[in-house]
Amino acid sequence: MNVELTADQQAFVRQAIESGRFRGEEDAVREALSLWEERERRRFEILAALDEAEASLARGEGIPITEESMKALAERVKQRGRARLAAERTTSR
């Protein structure tokens, strides 16, 4: 496969090679593709989570968002965080 890079992209790759970040152009391309793959995996995970959330709402499993429900959620998150911190302190002794 042959890919033509813009002049800016070529300079970017050349600079990375000269700085020792990569041994050659192929390494730079592999790194770029690896990052792209990871980004796409995360994107698909987010889309799947959104689909699940929409399905949950369609099943009537949502909760109304009010000031009180947000305060209650924040309190539950704080309690879980404190419990986790206490457990970590206990196991690290």
PDB file of N, CA and C in Angstrom:
ATOM      1  N   MET A   1       0.852  -1.170   0.000  1.00  0.00           N
ATOM      2  CA  MET A   1       0.000   0.000   0.000  1.00  0.00           C
ATOM      3  C   MET A   1       0.902   1.238   0.000  1.00  0.00           C
ATOM      4  N   ASN A   2       0.588   2.159  -0.839  1.00  0.00           N
ATOM      5  CA  ASN A   2       1.313   3.427  -0.884  1.00  0.00           C
ATOM      6  C   ASN A   2       0.391   4.533  -0.427  1.00  0.00           C
ATOM      7  N   VAL A   3       0.897   5.372   0.458  1.00  0.00           N
ATOM      8  CA  VAL A   3       0.111   6.474   0.985  1.00  0.00           C
ATOM      9  C   VAL A   3       0.917   7.752   0.797  1.00  0.00           C
ATOM     10  N   GLU A   4       0.276   8.758   0.265  1.00  0.00           N
ATOM     11  CA  GLU A   4       0.945  10.044   0.118  1.00  0.00           C
ATOM     12  C   GLU A   4       0.564  10.953   1.275  1.00  0.00           C
ATOM     13  N   LEU A   5       1.573  11.441   1.962  1.00  0.00           N
ATOM     14  CA  LEU A   5       1.362  12.351   3.078  1.00  0.00           C
ATOM     15  C   LEU A   5       1.515  13.785   2.592  1.00  0.00           C
ATOM     16  N   THR A   6       0.870  14.682   3.311  1.00  0.00           N
ATOM     17  CA  THR A   6       1.066  16.096   3.008  1.00  0.00           C
ATOM     18  C   THR A   6       2.488  16.482   3.411  1.00  0.00           C
ATOM     19  N   ALA A   7       2.926  17.620   2.958  1.00  0.00           N
ATOM     20  CA  ALA A   7       4.268  18.093   3.318  1.00  0.00           C
ATOM     21  C   ALA A   7       4.393  18.241   4.836  1.00  0.00           C
ATOM     22  N   ASP A   8       3.354  18.752   5.486  1.00  0.00           N
ATOM     23  CA  ASP A   8       3.384  18.898   6.947  1.00  0.00           C
ATOM     24  C   ASP A   8       3.479  17.541   7.634  1.00  0.00           C
ATOM     25  N   GLN A   9       2.734  16.560   7.134  1.00  0.00           N
ATOM     26  CA  GLN A   9       2.777  15.219   7.722  1.00  0.00           C
ATOM     27  C   GLN A   9       4.155  14.592   7.534  1.00  0.00           C
ATOM     28  N   GLN A  10       4.729  14.770   6.355  1.00  0.00           N
ATOM     29  CA  GLN A  10       6.070  14.238   6.099  1.00  0.00           C
ATOM     30  C   GLN A  10       7.084  14.860   7.053  1.00  0.00           C
ATOM     31  N   ALA A  11       6.992  16.163   7.248  1.00  0.00           N
ATOM     32  CA  ALA A  11       7.908  16.850   8.167  1.00  0.00           C
ATOM     33  C   ALA A  11       7.709  16.353   9.598  1.00  0.00           C
ATOM     34  N   PHE A  12       6.477  16.125   9.967  1.00  0.00           N
ATOM     35  CA  PHE A  12       6.166  15.629  11.310  1.00  0.00           C
ATOM     36  C   PHE A  12       6.802  14.259  11.536  1.00  0.00           C
ATOM     37  N   VAL A  13       6.632  13.370  10.564  1.00  0.00           N
ATOM     38  CA  VAL A  13       7.204  12.027  10.661  1.00  0.00           C
ATOM     39  C   VAL A  13       8.728  12.112  10.678  1.00  0.00           C
ATOM     40  N   ARG A  14       9.293  12.905   9.797  1.00  0.00           N
ATOM     41  CA  ARG A  14      10.750  13.059   9.714  1.00  0.00           C
ATOM     42  C   ARG A  14      11.312  13.571  11.047  1.00  0.00           C
ATOM     43  N   GLN A  15      10.633  14.537  11.641  1.00  0.00           N
ATOM     44  CA  GLN A  15      11.079  15.077  12.927  1.00  0.00           C
ATOM     45  C   GLN A  15      11.038  13.993  14.004  1.00  0.00           C
ATOM     46  N   ALA A  16       9.984  13.184  14.002  1.00  0.00           N
ATOM     47  CA  ALA A  16       9.871  12.112  14.998  1.00  0.00           C
ATOM     48  C   ALA A  16      10.983  11.080  14.826  1.00  0.00           C
ATOM     49  N   ILE A  17      11.339  10.794  13.594  1.00  0.00           N
ATOM     50  CA  ILE A  17      12.421   9.843  13.334  1.00  0.00           C
ATOM     51  C   ILE A  17      13.763  10.441  13.764  1.00  0.00           C
ATOM     52  N   GLU A  18      13.993  11.696  13.399  1.00  0.00           N
ATOM     53  CA  GLU A  18      15.253  12.358  13.753  1.00  0.00           C
ATOM     54  C   GLU A  18      15.430  12.498  15.254  1.00  0.00           C
ATOM     55  N   SER A  19      14.334  12.654  15.974  1.00  0.00           N
ATOM     56  CA  SER A  19      14.417  12.794  17.430  1.00  0.00           C
ATOM     57  C   SER A  19      14.582  11.449  18.132  1.00  0.00           C
ATOM     58  N   GLY A  20      14.477  10.368  17.354  1.00  0.00           N
ATOM     59  CA  GLY A  20      14.630   9.037  17.939  1.00  0.00           C
ATOM     60  C   GLY A  20      13.325   8.424  18.410  1.00  0.00           C
ATOM     61  N   ARG A  21      12.240   9.115  18.196  1.00  0.00           N
ATOM     62  CA  ARG A  21      10.931   8.587  18.611  1.00  0.00           C
ATOM     63  C   ARG A  21      10.586   7.322  17.840  1.00  0.00           C
ATOM     64  N   PHE A  22      10.925   7.294  16.565  1.00  0.00           N
ATOM     65  CA  PHE A  22      10.687   6.127  15.708  1.00  0.00           C
ATOM     66  C   PHE A  22      11.950   5.796  14.937  1.00  0.00           C
ATOM     67  N   ARG A  23      12.075   4.510  14.563  1.00  0.00           N
ATOM     68  CA  ARG A  23      13.225   4.085  13.773  1.00  0.00           C
ATOM     69  C   ARG A  23      13.031   4.399  12.297  1.00  0.00           C
ATOM     70  N   GLY A  24      11.784   4.396  11.857  1.00  0.00           N
ATOM     71  CA  GLY A  24      11.523   4.649  10.450  1.00  0.00           C
ATOM     72  C   GLY A  24      10.071   5.020  10.226  1.00  0.00           C
ATOM     73  N   GLU A  25       9.758   5.296   8.973  1.00  0.00           N
ATOM     74  CA  GLU A  25       8.404   5.709   8.612  1.00  0.00           C
ATOM     75  C   GLU A  25       7.368   4.641   8.965  1.00  0.00           C
ATOM     76  N   GLU A  26       7.747   3.376   8.763  1.00  0.00           N
ATOM     77  CA  GLU A  26       6.813   2.282   9.047  1.00  0.00           C
ATOM     78  C   GLU A  26       6.403   2.274  10.511  1.00  0.00           C
ATOM     79  N   ASP A  27       7.369   2.535  11.395  1.00  0.00           N
ATOM     80  CA  ASP A  27       7.048   2.579  12.831  1.00  0.00           C
ATOM     81  C   ASP A  27       6.068   3.698  13.139  1.00  0.00           C
ATOM     82  N   ALA A  28       6.264   4.841  12.499  1.00  0.00           N
ATOM     83  CA  ALA A  28       5.366   5.972  12.721  1.00  0.00           C
ATOM     84  C   ALA A  28       3.955   5.639  12.245  1.00  0.00           C
ATOM     85  N   VAL A  29       3.856   4.993  11.092  1.00  0.00           N
ATOM     86  CA  VAL A  29       2.541   4.621  10.553  1.00  0.00           C
ATOM     87  C   VAL A  29       1.880   3.578  11.446  1.00  0.00           C
ATOM     88  N   ARG A  30       2.655   2.601  11.913  1.00  0.00           N
ATOM     89  CA  ARG A  30       2.092   1.578  12.815  1.00  0.00           C
ATOM     90  C   ARG A  30       1.548   2.221  14.087  1.00  0.00           C
ATOM     91  N   GLU A  31       2.311   3.169  14.643  1.00  0.00           N
ATOM     92  CA  GLU A  31       1.862   3.865  15.857  1.00  0.00           C
ATOM     93  C   GLU A  31       0.575   4.627  15.592  1.00  0.00           C
ATOM     94  N   ALA A  32       0.524   5.326  14.460  1.00  0.00           N
ATOM     95  CA  ALA A  32      -0.678   6.087  14.113  1.00  0.00           C
ATOM     96  C   ALA A  32      -1.879   5.156  13.973  1.00  0.00           C
ATOM     97  N   LEU A  33      -1.695   4.021  13.324  1.00  0.00           N
ATOM     98  CA  LEU A  33      -2.799   3.070  13.155  1.00  0.00           C
ATOM     99  C   LEU A  33      -3.218   2.459  14.484  1.00  0.00           C
ATOM    100  N   SER A  34      -2.249   2.201  15.348  1.00  0.00           N
ATOM    101  CA  SER A  34      -2.562   1.656  16.667  1.00  0.00           C
ATOM    102  C   SER A  34      -3.421   2.633  17.469  1.00  0.00           C
ATOM    103  N   LEU A  35      -3.052   3.909  17.430  1.00  0.00           N
ATOM    104  CA  LEU A  35      -3.841   4.926  18.128  1.00  0.00           C
ATOM    105  C   LEU A  35      -5.221   5.061  17.525  1.00  0.00           C
ATOM    106  N   TRP A  36      -5.312   4.981  16.223  1.00  0.00           N
ATOM    107  CA  TRP A  36      -6.603   5.056  15.531  1.00  0.00           C
ATOM    108  C   TRP A  36      -7.485   3.883  15.943  1.00  0.00           C
ATOM    109  N   GLU A  37      -6.895   2.676  15.970  1.00  0.00           N
ATOM    110  CA  GLU A  37      -7.657   1.494  16.382  1.00  0.00           C
ATOM    111  C   GLU A  37      -8.186   1.652  17.807  1.00  0.00           C
ATOM    112  N   GLU A  38      -7.340   2.129  18.710  1.00  0.00           N
ATOM    113  CA  GLU A  38      -7.760   2.319  20.102  1.00  0.00           C
ATOM    114  C   GLU A  38      -8.889   3.338  20.182  1.00  0.00           C
ATOM    115  N   ARG A  39      -8.770   4.424  19.446  1.00  0.00           N
ATOM    116  CA  ARG A  39      -9.819   5.444  19.444  1.00  0.00           C
ATOM    117  C   ARG A  39     -11.129   4.872  18.913  1.00  0.00           C
ATOM    118  N   GLU A  40     -11.054   4.052  17.879  1.00  0.00           N
ATOM    119  CA  GLU A  40     -12.258   3.443  17.325  1.00  0.00           C
ATOM    120  C   GLU A  40     -12.884   2.447  18.304  1.00  0.00           C
ATOM    121  N   ARG A  41     -12.044   1.684  19.023  1.00  0.00           N
ATOM    122  CA  ARG A  41     -12.569   0.762  20.042  1.00  0.00           C
ATOM    123  C   ARG A  41     -13.337   1.534  21.102  1.00  0.00           C
ATOM    124  N   ARG A  42     -12.750   2.635  21.574  1.00  0.00           N
ATOM    125  CA  ARG A  42     -13.432   3.456  22.585  1.00  0.00           C
ATOM    126  C   ARG A  42     -14.722   4.044  22.028  1.00  0.00           C
ATOM    127  N   ARG A  43     -14.686   4.474  20.783  1.00  0.00           N
ATOM    128  CA  ARG A  43     -15.878   5.033  20.141  1.00  0.00           C
ATOM    129  C   ARG A  43     -16.996   4.000  20.094  1.00  0.00           C
ATOM    130  N   PHE A  44     -16.657   2.766  19.709  1.00  0.00           N
ATOM    131  CA  PHE A  44     -17.668   1.709  19.652  1.00  0.00           C
ATOM    132  C   PHE A  44     -18.203   1.379  21.041  1.00  0.00           C
ATOM    133  N   GLU A  45     -17.331   1.405  22.052  1.00  0.00           N
ATOM    134  CA  GLU A  45     -17.783   1.164  23.425  1.00  0.00           C
ATOM    135  C   GLU A  45     -18.764   2.247  23.867  1.00  0.00           C
ATOM    136  N   ILE A  46     -18.462   3.483  23.529  1.00  0.00           N
ATOM    137  CA  ILE A  46     -19.360   4.588  23.888  1.00  0.00           C
ATOM    138  C   ILE A  46     -20.696   4.438  23.168  1.00  0.00           C
ATOM    139  N   LEU A  47     -20.647   4.114  21.879  1.00  0.00           N
ATOM    140  CA  LEU A  47     -21.895   3.930  21.121  1.00  0.00           C
ATOM    141  C   LEU A  47     -22.721   2.779  21.684  1.00  0.00           C
ATOM    142  N   ALA A  48     -22.045   1.689  22.083  1.00  0.00           N
ATOM    143  CA  ALA A  48     -22.761   0.557  22.684  1.00  0.00           C
ATOM    144  C   ALA A  48     -23.397   0.969  24.004  1.00  0.00           C
ATOM    145  N   ALA A  49     -22.676   1.750  24.804  1.00  0.00           N
ATOM    146  CA  ALA A  49     -23.224   2.224  26.076  1.00  0.00           C
ATOM    147  C   ALA A  49     -24.422   3.137  25.842  1.00  0.00           C
ATOM    148  N   LEU A  50     -24.342   3.972  24.828  1.00  0.00           N
ATOM    149  CA  LEU A  50     -25.478   4.840  24.500  1.00  0.00           C
ATOM    150  C   LEU A  50     -26.684   4.019  24.055  1.00  0.00           C
ATOM    151  N   ASP A  51     -26.431   2.999  23.230  1.00  0.00           N
ATOM    152  CA  ASP A  51     -27.528   2.124  22.801  1.00  0.00           C
ATOM    153  C   ASP A  51     -28.187   1.463  24.007  1.00  0.00           C
ATOM    154  N   GLU A  52     -27.362   0.978  24.940  1.00  0.00           N
ATOM    155  CA  GLU A  52     -27.899   0.325  26.141  1.00  0.00           C
ATOM    156  C   GLU A  52     -28.689   1.320  26.981  1.00  0.00           C
ATOM    157  N   ALA A  53     -28.175   2.537  27.096  1.00  0.00           N
ATOM    158  CA  ALA A  53     -28.880   3.560  27.871  1.00  0.00           C
ATOM    159  C   ALA A  53     -30.227   3.885  27.235  1.00  0.00           C
ATOM    160  N   GLU A  54     -30.247   4.012  25.915  1.00  0.00           N
ATOM    161  CA  GLU A  54     -31.506   4.294  25.229  1.00  0.00           C
ATOM    162  C   GLU A  54     -32.497   3.143  25.404  1.00  0.00           C
ATOM    163  N   ALA A  55     -32.005   1.911  25.333  1.00  0.00           N
ATOM    164  CA  ALA A  55     -32.875   0.748  25.530  1.00  0.00           C
ATOM    165  C   ALA A  55     -33.413   0.731  26.958  1.00  0.00           C
ATOM    166  N   SER A  56     -32.564   1.082  27.910  1.00  0.00           N
ATOM    167  CA  SER A  56     -32.983   1.134  29.310  1.00  0.00           C
ATOM    168  C   SER A  56     -34.086   2.168  29.503  1.00  0.00           C
ATOM    169  N   LEU A  57     -33.907   3.323  28.889  1.00  0.00           N
ATOM    170  CA  LEU A  57     -34.937   4.357  28.980  1.00  0.00           C
ATOM    171  C   LEU A  57     -36.231   3.894  28.316  1.00  0.00           C
ATOM    172  N   ALA A  58     -36.108   3.215  27.184  1.00  0.00           N
ATOM    173  CA  ALA A  58     -37.291   2.718  26.477  1.00  0.00           C
ATOM    174  C   ALA A  58     -38.044   1.690  27.323  1.00  0.00           C
ATOM    175  N   ARG A  59     -37.327   0.962  28.177  1.00  0.00           N
ATOM    176  CA  ARG A  59     -37.964  -0.014  29.068  1.00  0.00           C
ATOM    177  C   ARG A  59     -38.543   0.658  30.308  1.00  0.00           C
ATOM    178  N   GLY A  60     -38.382   1.978  30.408  1.00  0.00           N
ATOM    179  CA  GLY A  60     -38.905   2.697  31.558  1.00  0.00           C
ATOM    180  C   GLY A  60     -38.017   2.640  32.777  1.00  0.00           C
ATOM    181  N   GLU A  61     -36.756   2.342  32.588  1.00  0.00           N
ATOM    182  CA  GLU A  61     -35.841   2.189  33.718  1.00  0.00           C
ATOM    183  C   GLU A  61     -35.128   3.492  34.106  1.00  0.00           C
ATOM    184  N   GLY A  62     -35.466   4.571  33.448  1.00  0.00           N
ATOM    185  CA  GLY A  62     -34.827   5.851  33.758  1.00  0.00           C
ATOM    186  C   GLY A  62     -35.385   6.451  35.035  1.00  0.00           C
ATOM    187  N   ILE A  63     -34.663   7.405  35.579  1.00  0.00           N
ATOM    188  CA  ILE A  63     -35.143   8.113  36.757  1.00  0.00           C
ATOM    189  C   ILE A  63     -35.209   9.599  36.416  1.00  0.00           C
ATOM    190  N   PRO A  64     -36.202  10.280  36.933  1.00  0.00           N
ATOM    191  CA  PRO A  64     -36.288  11.718  36.675  1.00  0.00           C
ATOM    192  C   PRO A  64     -35.108  12.449  37.319  1.00  0.00           C
ATOM    193  N   ILE A  65     -34.578  13.415  36.618  1.00  0.00           N
ATOM    194  CA  ILE A  65     -33.462  14.202  37.141  1.00  0.00           C
ATOM    195  C   ILE A  65     -34.036  15.456  37.790  1.00  0.00           C
ATOM    196  N   THR A  66     -33.825  15.524  39.085  1.00  0.00           N
ATOM    197  CA  THR A  66     -34.249  16.695  39.853  1.00  0.00           C
ATOM    198  C   THR A  66     -33.063  17.138  40.703  1.00  0.00           C
ATOM    199  N   GLU A  67     -33.207  18.275  41.318  1.00  0.00           N
ATOM    200  CA  GLU A  67     -32.138  18.734  42.202  1.00  0.00           C
ATOM    201  C   GLU A  67     -31.923  17.733  43.337  1.00  0.00           C
ATOM    202  N   GLU A  68     -33.006  17.200  43.862  1.00  0.00           N
ATOM    203  CA  GLU A  68     -32.902  16.236  44.957  1.00  0.00           C
ATOM    204  C   GLU A  68     -32.244  14.931  44.497  1.00  0.00           C
ATOM    205  N   SER A  69     -32.618  14.439  43.306  1.00  0.00           N
ATOM    206  CA  SER A  69     -32.024  13.177  42.838  1.00  0.00           C
ATOM    207  C   SER A  69     -30.536  13.354  42.553  1.00  0.00           C
ATOM    208  N   MET A  70     -30.137  14.532  42.080  1.00  0.00           N
ATOM    209  CA  MET A  70     -28.715  14.794  41.830  1.00  0.00           C
ATOM    210  C   MET A  70     -27.939  14.867  43.140  1.00  0.00           C
ATOM    211  N   LYS A  71     -28.535  15.474  44.155  1.00  0.00           N
ATOM    212  CA  LYS A  71     -27.872  15.526  45.458  1.00  0.00           C
ATOM    213  C   LYS A  71     -27.726  14.118  46.033  1.00  0.00           C
ATOM    214  N   ALA A  72     -28.769  13.312  45.892  1.00  0.00           N
ATOM    215  CA  ALA A  72     -28.717  11.935  46.394  1.00  0.00           C
ATOM    216  C   ALA A  72     -27.654  11.133  45.647  1.00  0.00           C
ATOM    217  N   LEU A  73     -27.567  11.313  44.336  1.00  0.00           N
ATOM    218  CA  LEU A  73     -26.552  10.617  43.551  1.00  0.00           C
ATOM    219  C   LEU A  73     -25.159  11.043  43.994  1.00  0.00           C
ATOM    220  N   ALA A  74     -24.960  12.333  44.165  1.00  0.00           N
ATOM    221  CA  ALA A  74     -23.657  12.833  44.603  1.00  0.00           C
ATOM    222  C   ALA A  74     -23.283  12.251  45.961  1.00  0.00           C
ATOM    223  N   GLU A  75     -24.243  12.144  46.847  1.00  0.00           N
ATOM    224  CA  GLU A  75     -23.978  11.581  48.172  1.00  0.00           C
ATOM    225  C   GLU A  75     -23.602  10.106  48.063  1.00  0.00           C
ATOM    226  N   ARG A  76     -24.300   9.361  47.223  1.00  0.00           N
ATOM    227  CA  ARG A  76     -23.971   7.931  47.040  1.00  0.00           C
ATOM    228  C   ARG A  76     -22.569   7.767  46.459  1.00  0.00           C
ATOM    229  N   VAL A  77     -22.213   8.611  45.516  1.00  0.00           N
ATOM    230  CA  VAL A  77     -20.873   8.546  44.922  1.00  0.00           C
ATOM    231  C   VAL A  77     -19.815   8.857  45.981  1.00  0.00           C
ATOM    232  N   LYS A  78     -20.056   9.869  46.803  1.00  0.00           N
ATOM    233  CA  LYS A  78     -19.116  10.206  47.879  1.00  0.00           C
ATOM    234  C   LYS A  78     -18.955   9.036  48.844  1.00  0.00           C
ATOM    235  N   GLN A  79     -20.076   8.411  49.221  1.00  0.00           N
ATOM    236  CA  GLN A  79     -20.022   7.291  50.160  1.00  0.00           C
ATOM    237  C   GLN A  79     -19.233   6.126  49.569  1.00  0.00           C
ATOM    238  N   ARG A  80     -19.472   5.823  48.295  1.00  0.00           N
ATOM    239  CA  ARG A  80     -18.723   4.728  47.652  1.00  0.00           C
ATOM    240  C   ARG A  80     -17.238   5.071  47.593  1.00  0.00           C
ATOM    241  N   GLY A  81     -16.916   6.309  47.277  1.00  0.00           N
ATOM    242  CA  GLY A  81     -15.518   6.734  47.226  1.00  0.00           C
ATOM    243  C   GLY A  81     -14.846   6.628  48.576  1.00  0.00           C
ATOM    244  N   ARG A  82     -15.545   7.068  49.605  1.00  0.00           N
ATOM    245  CA  ARG A  82     -14.982   6.977  50.965  1.00  0.00           C
ATOM    246  C   ARG A  82     -14.780   5.525  51.382  1.00  0.00           C
ATOM    247  N   ALA A  83     -15.742   4.672  51.047  1.00  0.00           N
ATOM    248  CA  ALA A  83     -15.627   3.255  51.386  1.00  0.00           C
ATOM    249  C   ALA A  83     -14.447   2.625  50.647  1.00  0.00           C
ATOM    250  N   ARG A  84     -14.283   2.963  49.382  1.00  0.00           N
ATOM    251  CA  ARG A  84     -13.166   2.419  48.603  1.00  0.00           C
ATOM    252  C   ARG A  84     -11.841   2.888  49.173  1.00  0.00           C
ATOM    253  N   LEU A  85     -11.768   4.159  49.539  1.00  0.00           N
ATOM    254  CA  LEU A  85     -10.543   4.714  50.117  1.00  0.00           C
ATOM    255  C   LEU A  85     -10.214   4.013  51.443  1.00  0.00           C
ATOM    256  N   ALA A  86     -11.238   3.816  52.263  1.00  0.00           N
ATOM    257  CA  ALA A  86     -11.016   3.128  53.544  1.00  0.00           C
ATOM    258  C   ALA A  86     -10.544   1.709  53.305  1.00  0.00           C
ATOM    259  N   ALA A  87     -11.115   1.031  52.330  1.00  0.00           N
ATOM    260  CA  ALA A  87     -10.696  -0.350  52.031  1.00  0.00           C
ATOM    261  C   ALA A  87      -9.256  -0.382  51.526  1.00  0.00           C
ATOM    262  N   GLU A  88      -8.878   0.581  50.706  1.00  0.00           N
ATOM    263  CA  GLU A  88      -7.501   0.636  50.211  1.00  0.00           C
ATOM    264  C   GLU A  88      -6.526   0.890  51.332  1.00  0.00           C
ATOM    265  N   ARG A  89      -6.903   1.753  52.260  1.00  0.00           N
ATOM    266  CA  ARG A  89      -6.018   2.032  53.397  1.00  0.00           C
ATOM    267  C   ARG A  89      -5.851   0.807  54.281  1.00  0.00           C
ATOM    268  N   THR A  90      -6.932   0.041  54.426  1.00  0.00           N
ATOM    269  CA  THR A  90      -6.876  -1.165  55.250  1.00  0.00           C
ATOM    270  C   THR A  90      -5.992  -2.219  54.622  1.00  0.00           C
ATOM    271  N   THR A  91      -6.095  -2.403  53.302  1.00  0.00           N
ATOM    272  CA  THR A  91      -5.317  -3.447  52.644  1.00  0.00           C
ATOM    273  C   THR A  91      -3.862  -3.040  52.424  1.00  0.00           C
ATOM    274  N   SER A  92      -3.543  -1.772  52.473  1.00  0.00           N
ATOM    275  CA  SER A  92      -2.169  -1.334  52.245  1.00  0.00           C
ATOM    276  C   SER A  92      -1.330  -1.341  53.513  1.00  0.00           C
ATOM    277  N   ARG A  93      -1.945  -1.638  54.627  1.00  0.00           N
ATOM    278  CA  ARG A  93      -1.204  -1.641  55.904  1.00  0.00           C
ATOM    279  C   ARG A  93      -0.472  -2.919  56.099  1.00  0.00           C
TER     280      ARG A  93
END
